[in-house]
Amino acid sequence: MTLTVQGWSEASALHTRIVVVGRDLLAGALASALETYKFTTMHIEPNELELERGIEWQPDLMLIDVRSLDVTDGSAFIAQLHRAGLQVCVIDATDDDDRRTAWMRAGSSAVIDGSEPFDQLFQTIFRLLRIDPPARSSRRSPASLALRPPEQPRRDSRLPQFATLTHREQVVLAELMEGHCAEEIAKAAFVSISTIRSQIKAILQKLGVNSQLAAVAMARRAGWAIDSAPETSPDRVSVRGTCVS
């Protein structure tokens, strides 16, 4: 039977192989999320031995997180994959034009901003694979659900890593976990986009991470949940709709 999720057909991804290259938990989370769309994935470390294993697997796409790599090593890895005839997409902080240029020259087909929400990241992956993406929805997607450990009981939201977050910052983090972007959150809360961006910056600083993706992955890995608040609370955010790319 063909699985259909919000307009997504299982046949679109069947037999499509993606290798996710990265050292941190985000890479593993991405691989798991991609599998919810019926992609076949492999998660490997960014070293010569593991890259050879990934190349031998003959994937349709190599998704490599280069944020922990310097330009020399990262370019060498990308060039090696490109010479093997593989399509490469990298994840990095795109505010560094020199690094972005280096990745493209080495053979990357695209550079994904590591601060983008998962929704935007998946749109880029679908485009590179020339597969129609699922219809966008304000509800949590299967990919988002995959990032929460299965059957894991909800823990106290006052975990040490998250105890310093204000309630507003908790609300924003919860919305990021749902796949909503800063523009959506600002609109729903009737505040400026700069306010939401400042709150996101504070969240990243307090959690000790450098991107929204990493913050979301960290929260899901920890089993974090927002503190309960009355539905009538002015801090409560209810996001509807999606961002326009």
C-alpha atoms as a PDB file:
ATOM      1  CA  MET A   1       0.000   0.000   0.000  1.00  0.00           C
ATOM      2  CA  THR A   2       1.262   3.481  -0.839  1.00  0.00           C
ATOM      3  CA  LEU A   3       1.560   5.779   2.171  1.00  0.00           C
ATOM      4  CA  THR A   4       0.187   9.288   1.676  1.00  0.00           C
ATOM      5  CA  VAL A   5       0.938  12.053   4.194  1.00  0.00           C
ATOM      6  CA  GLN A   6      -0.382  15.560   3.465  1.00  0.00           C
ATOM      7  CA  GLY A   7      -0.076  14.923  -0.264  1.00  0.00           C
ATOM      8  CA  TRP A   8       3.193  12.997   0.091  1.00  0.00           C
ATOM      9  CA  SER A   9       3.454   9.683  -1.755  1.00  0.00           C
ATOM     10  CA  GLU A  10       5.692   6.923  -0.460  1.00  0.00           C
ATOM     11  CA  ALA A  11       6.539   6.066  -4.061  1.00  0.00           C
ATOM     12  CA  SER A  12       8.238   9.461  -4.427  1.00  0.00           C
ATOM     13  CA  ALA A  13      10.984   8.506  -1.981  1.00  0.00           C
ATOM     14  CA  LEU A  14      11.118   4.751  -2.431  1.00  0.00           C
ATOM     15  CA  HIS A  15      14.631   3.539  -3.285  1.00  0.00           C
ATOM     16  CA  THR A  16      16.098   7.030  -2.718  1.00  0.00           C
ATOM     17  CA  ARG A  17      19.279   6.848  -0.631  1.00  0.00           C
ATOM     18  CA  ILE A  18      20.636   9.688   1.497  1.00  0.00           C
ATOM     19  CA  VAL A  19      23.863   9.662   3.500  1.00  0.00           C
ATOM     20  CA  VAL A  20      23.978  12.129   6.404  1.00  0.00           C
ATOM     21  CA  VAL A  21      27.530  13.044   7.437  1.00  0.00           C
ATOM     22  CA  GLY A  22      28.070  14.645  10.843  1.00  0.00           C
ATOM     23  CA  ARG A  23      29.409  14.179  14.362  1.00  0.00           C
ATOM     24  CA  ASP A  24      26.633  15.590  16.575  1.00  0.00           C
ATOM     25  CA  LEU A  25      23.141  14.388  17.457  1.00  0.00           C
ATOM     26  CA  LEU A  26      21.642  16.643  14.775  1.00  0.00           C
ATOM     27  CA  ALA A  27      22.955  14.376  12.005  1.00  0.00           C
ATOM     28  CA  GLY A  28      21.335  11.348  13.600  1.00  0.00           C
ATOM     29  CA  ALA A  29      18.095  13.268  14.066  1.00  0.00           C
ATOM     30  CA  LEU A  30      18.097  14.283  10.392  1.00  0.00           C
ATOM     31  CA  ALA A  31      18.631  10.696   9.281  1.00  0.00           C
ATOM     32  CA  SER A  32      15.722   9.515  11.450  1.00  0.00           C
ATOM     33  CA  ALA A  33      13.494  12.330  10.212  1.00  0.00           C
ATOM     34  CA  LEU A  34      14.231  11.511   6.570  1.00  0.00           C
ATOM     35  CA  GLU A  35      13.280   7.903   7.182  1.00  0.00           C
ATOM     36  CA  THR A  36       9.752   8.987   8.122  1.00  0.00           C
ATOM     37  CA  TYR A  37       9.369   9.992   4.465  1.00  0.00           C
ATOM     38  CA  LYS A  38      10.508   6.491   3.443  1.00  0.00           C
ATOM     39  CA  PHE A  39      13.979   7.587   2.337  1.00  0.00           C
ATOM     40  CA  THR A  40      16.703   5.030   2.997  1.00  0.00           C
ATOM     41  CA  THR A  41      19.408   6.704   5.056  1.00  0.00           C
ATOM     42  CA  MET A  42      22.892   6.107   6.432  1.00  0.00           C
ATOM     43  CA  HIS A  43      24.523   8.203   9.175  1.00  0.00           C
ATOM     44  CA  ILE A  44      28.336   8.337   9.100  1.00  0.00           C
ATOM     45  CA  GLU A  45      31.178  10.292  10.693  1.00  0.00           C
ATOM     46  CA  PRO A  46      33.208  12.836   8.637  1.00  0.00           C
ATOM     47  CA  ASN A  47      36.393  10.802   8.260  1.00  0.00           C
ATOM     48  CA  GLU A  48      38.087   9.037   5.345  1.00  0.00           C
ATOM     49  CA  LEU A  49      37.053   5.506   6.301  1.00  0.00           C
ATOM     50  CA  GLU A  50      33.414   6.423   6.845  1.00  0.00           C
ATOM     51  CA  LEU A  51      33.271   8.516   3.657  1.00  0.00           C
ATOM     52  CA  GLU A  52      34.539   5.556   1.645  1.00  0.00           C
ATOM     53  CA  ARG A  53      31.749   3.453   3.144  1.00  0.00           C
ATOM     54  CA  GLY A  54      29.224   6.116   2.208  1.00  0.00           C
ATOM     55  CA  ILE A  55      30.530   6.346  -1.366  1.00  0.00           C
ATOM     56  CA  GLU A  56      30.361   2.565  -1.827  1.00  0.00           C
ATOM     57  CA  TRP A  57      26.700   2.709  -0.779  1.00  0.00           C
ATOM     58  CA  GLN A  58      26.040   4.852  -3.909  1.00  0.00           C
ATOM     59  CA  PRO A  59      23.542   7.311  -2.403  1.00  0.00           C
ATOM     60  CA  ASP A  60      21.420   9.784  -4.363  1.00  0.00           C
ATOM     61  CA  LEU A  61      22.481  12.601  -2.022  1.00  0.00           C
ATOM     62  CA  MET A  62      25.286  13.231   0.471  1.00  0.00           C
ATOM     63  CA  LEU A  63      24.151  15.671   3.170  1.00  0.00           C
ATOM     64  CA  ILE A  64      27.246  16.818   5.088  1.00  0.00           C
ATOM     65  CA  ASP A  65      27.356  19.061   8.164  1.00  0.00           C
ATOM     66  CA  VAL A  66      30.584  21.067   7.739  1.00  0.00           C
ATOM     67  CA  ARG A  67      30.134  23.382  10.723  1.00  0.00           C
ATOM     68  CA  SER A  68      32.707  21.467  12.755  1.00  0.00           C
ATOM     69  CA  LEU A  69      35.201  21.354   9.868  1.00  0.00           C
ATOM     70  CA  ASP A  70      37.704  23.906   8.635  1.00  0.00           C
ATOM     71  CA  VAL A  71      37.674  24.999   4.990  1.00  0.00           C
ATOM     72  CA  THR A  72      40.602  22.770   3.983  1.00  0.00           C
ATOM     73  CA  ASP A  73      39.201  19.517   5.391  1.00  0.00           C
ATOM     74  CA  GLY A  74      35.631  20.328   4.410  1.00  0.00           C
ATOM     75  CA  SER A  75      36.585  21.180   0.827  1.00  0.00           C
ATOM     76  CA  ALA A  76      38.638  17.996   0.532  1.00  0.00           C
ATOM     77  CA  PHE A  77      35.700  15.862   1.676  1.00  0.00           C
ATOM     78  CA  ILE A  78      33.265  17.602  -0.689  1.00  0.00           C
ATOM     79  CA  ALA A  79      35.663  17.339  -3.633  1.00  0.00           C
ATOM     80  CA  GLN A  80      36.170  13.633  -2.941  1.00  0.00           C
ATOM     81  CA  LEU A  81      32.429  13.017  -2.993  1.00  0.00           C
ATOM     82  CA  HIS A  82      31.961  15.177  -6.088  1.00  0.00           C
ATOM     83  CA  ARG A  83      34.675  13.243  -7.968  1.00  0.00           C
ATOM     84  CA  ALA A  84      32.829  10.048  -7.100  1.00  0.00           C
ATOM     85  CA  GLY A  85      29.852  11.422  -9.041  1.00  0.00           C
ATOM     86  CA  LEU A  86      27.691  12.074  -5.979  1.00  0.00           C
ATOM     87  CA  GLN A  87      25.404  15.034  -5.402  1.00  0.00           C
ATOM     88  CA  VAL A  88      26.490  16.935  -2.293  1.00  0.00           C
ATOM     89  CA  CYS A  89      24.600  19.372  -0.077  1.00  0.00           C
ATOM     90  CA  VAL A  90      26.246  20.984   2.948  1.00  0.00           C
ATOM     91  CA  ILE A  91      24.927  22.468   6.196  1.00  0.00           C
ATOM     92  CA  ASP A  92      26.826  25.494   7.482  1.00  0.00           C
ATOM     93  CA  ALA A  93      26.388  29.021   8.838  1.00  0.00           C
ATOM     94  CA  THR A  94      25.741  30.952   5.628  1.00  0.00           C
ATOM     95  CA  ASP A  95      26.804  34.329   7.003  1.00  0.00           C
ATOM     96  CA  ASP A  96      30.412  33.462   6.103  1.00  0.00           C
ATOM     97  CA  ASP A  97      30.699  34.170   2.375  1.00  0.00           C
ATOM     98  CA  ASP A  98      34.223  32.764   2.122  1.00  0.00           C
ATOM     99  CA  ARG A  99      33.185  29.371   3.499  1.00  0.00           C
ATOM    100  CA  ARG A 100      30.056  29.285   1.352  1.00  0.00           C
ATOM    101  CA  THR A 101      32.124  30.043  -1.762  1.00  0.00           C
ATOM    102  CA  ALA A 102      34.632  27.331  -0.839  1.00  0.00           C
ATOM    103  CA  TRP A 103      31.902  24.683  -0.533  1.00  0.00           C
ATOM    104  CA  MET A 104      30.374  25.598  -3.875  1.00  0.00           C
ATOM    105  CA  ARG A 105      33.755  25.571  -5.620  1.00  0.00           C
ATOM    106  CA  ALA A 106      34.544  22.171  -4.120  1.00  0.00           C
ATOM    107  CA  GLY A 107      31.412  20.725  -5.723  1.00  0.00           C
ATOM    108  CA  SER A 108      28.451  21.260  -3.382  1.00  0.00           C
ATOM    109  CA  SER A 109      25.088  21.674  -5.120  1.00  0.00           C
ATOM    110  CA  ALA A 110      23.644  23.763  -2.292  1.00  0.00           C
ATOM    111  CA  VAL A 111      24.488  25.259   1.102  1.00  0.00           C
ATOM    112  CA  ILE A 112      21.801  25.044   3.786  1.00  0.00           C
ATOM    113  CA  ASP A 113      21.827  27.577   6.619  1.00  0.00           C
ATOM    114  CA  GLY A 114      22.222  25.667   9.872  1.00  0.00           C
ATOM    115  CA  SER A 115      19.888  28.132  11.621  1.00  0.00           C
ATOM    116  CA  GLU A 116      16.960  27.265   9.333  1.00  0.00           C
ATOM    117  CA  PRO A 117      14.024  25.314  10.755  1.00  0.00           C
ATOM    118  CA  PHE A 118      13.684  21.694   9.647  1.00  0.00           C
ATOM    119  CA  ASP A 119      10.831  22.636   7.333  1.00  0.00           C
ATOM    120  CA  GLN A 120      13.108  24.798   5.179  1.00  0.00           C
ATOM    121  CA  LEU A 121      15.907  22.236   5.257  1.00  0.00           C
ATOM    122  CA  PHE A 122      13.638  19.502   3.941  1.00  0.00           C
ATOM    123  CA  GLN A 123      12.324  21.759   1.171  1.00  0.00           C
ATOM    124  CA  THR A 124      15.899  22.123  -0.114  1.00  0.00           C
ATOM    125  CA  ILE A 125      16.533  18.376   0.071  1.00  0.00           C
ATOM    126  CA  PHE A 126      13.345  17.595  -1.849  1.00  0.00           C
ATOM    127  CA  ARG A 127      14.313  20.155  -4.506  1.00  0.00           C
ATOM    128  CA  LEU A 128      17.782  18.640  -4.992  1.00  0.00           C
ATOM    129  CA  LEU A 129      16.267  15.171  -5.336  1.00  0.00           C
ATOM    130  CA  ARG A 130      13.641  16.534  -7.742  1.00  0.00           C
ATOM    131  CA  ILE A 131      10.869  15.112  -5.620  1.00  0.00           C
ATOM    132  CA  ASP A 132       7.677  17.022  -4.896  1.00  0.00           C
ATOM    133  CA  PRO A 133       7.637  17.932  -1.186  1.00  0.00           C
ATOM    134  CA  PRO A 134       4.708  17.154   1.119  1.00  0.00           C
ATOM    135  CA  ALA A 135       2.035  19.825   1.378  1.00  0.00           C
ATOM    136  CA  ARG A 136       3.029  22.312   4.063  1.00  0.00           C
ATOM    137  CA  SER A 137       0.899  22.376   7.191  1.00  0.00           C
ATOM    138  CA  SER A 138       0.813  24.158  10.527  1.00  0.00           C
ATOM    139  CA  ARG A 139       0.522  20.771  12.193  1.00  0.00           C
ATOM    140  CA  ARG A 140       3.582  18.829  13.216  1.00  0.00           C
ATOM    141  CA  SER A 141       4.925  16.754  10.318  1.00  0.00           C
ATOM    142  CA  PRO A 142       6.099  13.122  10.529  1.00  0.00           C
ATOM    143  CA  ALA A 143       9.671  14.424  10.229  1.00  0.00           C
ATOM    144  CA  SER A 144       9.164  16.596  13.289  1.00  0.00           C
ATOM    145  CA  LEU A 145       7.638  13.712  15.185  1.00  0.00           C
ATOM    146  CA  ALA A 146      10.645  11.529  14.398  1.00  0.00           C
ATOM    147  CA  LEU A 147      12.906  13.785  16.406  1.00  0.00           C
ATOM    148  CA  ARG A 148      11.168  12.858  19.664  1.00  0.00           C
ATOM    149  CA  PRO A 149      12.454   9.538  21.072  1.00  0.00           C
ATOM    150  CA  PRO A 150       9.641   6.958  20.690  1.00  0.00           C
ATOM    151  CA  GLU A 151       7.579   6.146  23.756  1.00  0.00           C
ATOM    152  CA  GLN A 152       9.764   8.309  25.941  1.00  0.00           C
ATOM    153  CA  PRO A 153       7.872   9.599  28.993  1.00  0.00           C
ATOM    154  CA  ARG A 154       7.637  13.365  29.345  1.00  0.00           C
ATOM    155  CA  ARG A 155      10.217  14.643  31.767  1.00  0.00           C
ATOM    156  CA  ASP A 156      10.125  17.633  34.045  1.00  0.00           C
ATOM    157  CA  SER A 157      10.514  20.676  31.797  1.00  0.00           C
ATOM    158  CA  ARG A 158      12.830  22.264  34.376  1.00  0.00           C
ATOM    159  CA  LEU A 159      15.835  20.288  33.199  1.00  0.00           C
ATOM    160  CA  PRO A 160      19.145  21.978  34.070  1.00  0.00           C
ATOM    161  CA  GLN A 161      19.861  22.998  30.466  1.00  0.00           C
ATOM    162  CA  PHE A 162      16.479  24.691  30.096  1.00  0.00           C
ATOM    163  CA  ALA A 163      15.902  26.070  33.586  1.00  0.00           C
ATOM    164  CA  THR A 164      17.278  29.498  32.647  1.00  0.00           C
ATOM    165  CA  LEU A 165      14.787  30.018  29.813  1.00  0.00           C
ATOM    166  CA  THR A 166      12.033  32.543  30.492  1.00  0.00           C
ATOM    167  CA  HIS A 167       8.473  31.455  29.792  1.00  0.00           C
ATOM    168  CA  ARG A 168       8.443  33.516  26.590  1.00  0.00           C
ATOM    169  CA  GLU A 169      11.637  31.798  25.455  1.00  0.00           C
ATOM    170  CA  GLN A 170      10.091  28.419  26.287  1.00  0.00           C
ATOM    171  CA  VAL A 171       7.077  29.287  24.132  1.00  0.00           C
ATOM    172  CA  VAL A 172       9.323  30.276  21.227  1.00  0.00           C
ATOM    173  CA  LEU A 173      11.407  27.100  21.556  1.00  0.00           C
ATOM    174  CA  ALA A 174       8.245  24.982  21.624  1.00  0.00           C
ATOM    175  CA  GLU A 175       7.064  26.647  18.397  1.00  0.00           C
ATOM    176  CA  LEU A 176      10.455  26.052  16.747  1.00  0.00           C
ATOM    177  CA  MET A 177      10.098  22.388  17.701  1.00  0.00           C
ATOM    178  CA  GLU A 178       6.772  22.376  15.859  1.00  0.00           C
ATOM    179  CA  GLY A 179       8.568  23.539  12.705  1.00  0.00           C
ATOM    180  CA  HIS A 180       7.373  27.159  12.778  1.00  0.00           C
ATOM    181  CA  CYS A 181       9.686  29.981  11.739  1.00  0.00           C
ATOM    182  CA  ALA A 182      10.351  33.330  13.407  1.00  0.00           C
ATOM    183  CA  GLU A 183       7.956  35.197  11.095  1.00  0.00           C
ATOM    184  CA  GLU A 184       5.064  32.889  11.982  1.00  0.00           C
ATOM    185  CA  ILE A 185       5.742  33.130  15.702  1.00  0.00           C
ATOM    186  CA  ALA A 186       5.984  36.924  15.598  1.00  0.00           C
ATOM    187  CA  LYS A 187       2.728  37.250  13.669  1.00  0.00           C
ATOM    188  CA  ALA A 188       0.820  34.935  16.007  1.00  0.00           C
ATOM    189  CA  ALA A 189       2.149  36.679  19.125  1.00  0.00           C
ATOM    190  CA  PHE A 190       1.557  40.194  17.702  1.00  0.00           C
ATOM    191  CA  VAL A 191       5.181  41.206  18.274  1.00  0.00           C
ATOM    192  CA  SER A 192       7.963  42.346  15.967  1.00  0.00           C
ATOM    193  CA  ILE A 193      10.194  39.890  14.161  1.00  0.00           C
ATOM    194  CA  SER A 194      13.190  41.504  15.875  1.00  0.00           C
ATOM    195  CA  THR A 195      11.705  40.602  19.268  1.00  0.00           C
ATOM    196  CA  ILE A 196      11.375  36.943  18.293  1.00  0.00           C
ATOM    197  CA  ARG A 197      14.875  36.888  16.833  1.00  0.00           C
ATOM    198  CA  SER A 198      16.243  38.335  20.065  1.00  0.00           C
ATOM    199  CA  GLN A 199      14.455  35.619  22.025  1.00  0.00           C
ATOM    200  CA  ILE A 200      15.829  32.936  19.691  1.00  0.00           C
ATOM    201  CA  LYS A 201      19.327  34.375  20.156  1.00  0.00           C
ATOM    202  CA  ALA A 202      18.874  34.211  23.932  1.00  0.00           C
ATOM    203  CA  ILE A 203      17.696  30.586  23.680  1.00  0.00           C
ATOM    204  CA  LEU A 204      20.770  29.582  21.677  1.00  0.00           C
ATOM    205  CA  GLN A 205      23.097  31.343  24.119  1.00  0.00           C
ATOM    206  CA  LYS A 206      21.497  29.755  27.188  1.00  0.00           C
ATOM    207  CA  LEU A 207      21.516  26.259  25.672  1.00  0.00           C
ATOM    208  CA  GLY A 208      25.065  26.647  24.388  1.00  0.00           C
ATOM    209  CA  VAL A 209      24.246  25.863  20.753  1.00  0.00           C
ATOM    210  CA  ASN A 210      24.777  27.842  17.564  1.00  0.00           C
ATOM    211  CA  SER A 211      21.645  27.147  15.527  1.00  0.00           C
ATOM    212  CA  GLN A 212      17.898  26.662  15.821  1.00  0.00           C
ATOM    213  CA  LEU A 213      18.268  23.130  14.453  1.00  0.00           C
ATOM    214  CA  ALA A 214      20.696  22.231  17.229  1.00  0.00           C
ATOM    215  CA  ALA A 215      18.416  23.765  19.878  1.00  0.00           C
ATOM    216  CA  VAL A 216      15.432  21.755  18.616  1.00  0.00           C
ATOM    217  CA  ALA A 217      17.445  18.536  18.457  1.00  0.00           C
ATOM    218  CA  MET A 218      18.800  19.131  21.977  1.00  0.00           C
ATOM    219  CA  ALA A 219      15.296  19.747  23.373  1.00  0.00           C
ATOM    220  CA  ARG A 220      13.860  16.626  21.772  1.00  0.00           C
ATOM    221  CA  ARG A 221      16.809  14.496  22.875  1.00  0.00           C
ATOM    222  CA  ALA A 222      16.344  15.692  26.462  1.00  0.00           C
ATOM    223  CA  GLY A 223      12.597  15.043  26.381  1.00  0.00           C
ATOM    224  CA  TRP A 224      11.992  18.694  27.190  1.00  0.00           C
ATOM    225  CA  ALA A 225       8.435  20.056  27.286  1.00  0.00           C
ATOM    226  CA  ILE A 226       7.188  23.574  27.879  1.00  0.00           C
ATOM    227  CA  ASP A 227       5.892  24.453  31.334  1.00  0.00           C
ATOM    228  CA  SER A 228       2.113  24.404  31.408  1.00  0.00           C
ATOM    229  CA  ALA A 229       0.370  27.747  31.079  1.00  0.00           C
ATOM    230  CA  PRO A 230      -3.323  28.683  31.079  1.00  0.00           C
ATOM    231  CA  GLU A 231      -4.850  28.925  27.628  1.00  0.00           C
ATOM    232  CA  THR A 232      -5.789  32.514  28.423  1.00  0.00           C
ATOM    233  CA  SER A 233      -2.211  33.479  29.200  1.00  0.00           C
ATOM    234  CA  PRO A 234      -1.002  36.451  27.094  1.00  0.00           C
ATOM    235  CA  ASP A 235       2.253  34.544  26.598  1.00  0.00           C
ATOM    236  CA  ARG A 236       0.505  31.691  24.874  1.00  0.00           C
ATOM    237  CA  VAL A 237       1.234  31.459  21.137  1.00  0.00           C
ATOM    238  CA  SER A 238      -1.010  29.708  18.669  1.00  0.00           C
ATOM    239  CA  VAL A 239       0.605  29.604  15.251  1.00  0.00           C
ATOM    240  CA  ARG A 240      -1.473  29.112  12.137  1.00  0.00           C
ATOM    241  CA  GLY A 241      -0.292  29.103   8.556  1.00  0.00           C
ATOM    242  CA  THR A 242       3.191  28.726   7.130  1.00  0.00           C
ATOM    243  CA  CYS A 243       6.029  30.979   6.105  1.00  0.00           C
ATOM    244  CA  VAL A 244       6.443  31.993   2.530  1.00  0.00           C
ATOM    245  CA  SER A 245       9.781  30.923   1.146  1.00  0.00           C
END
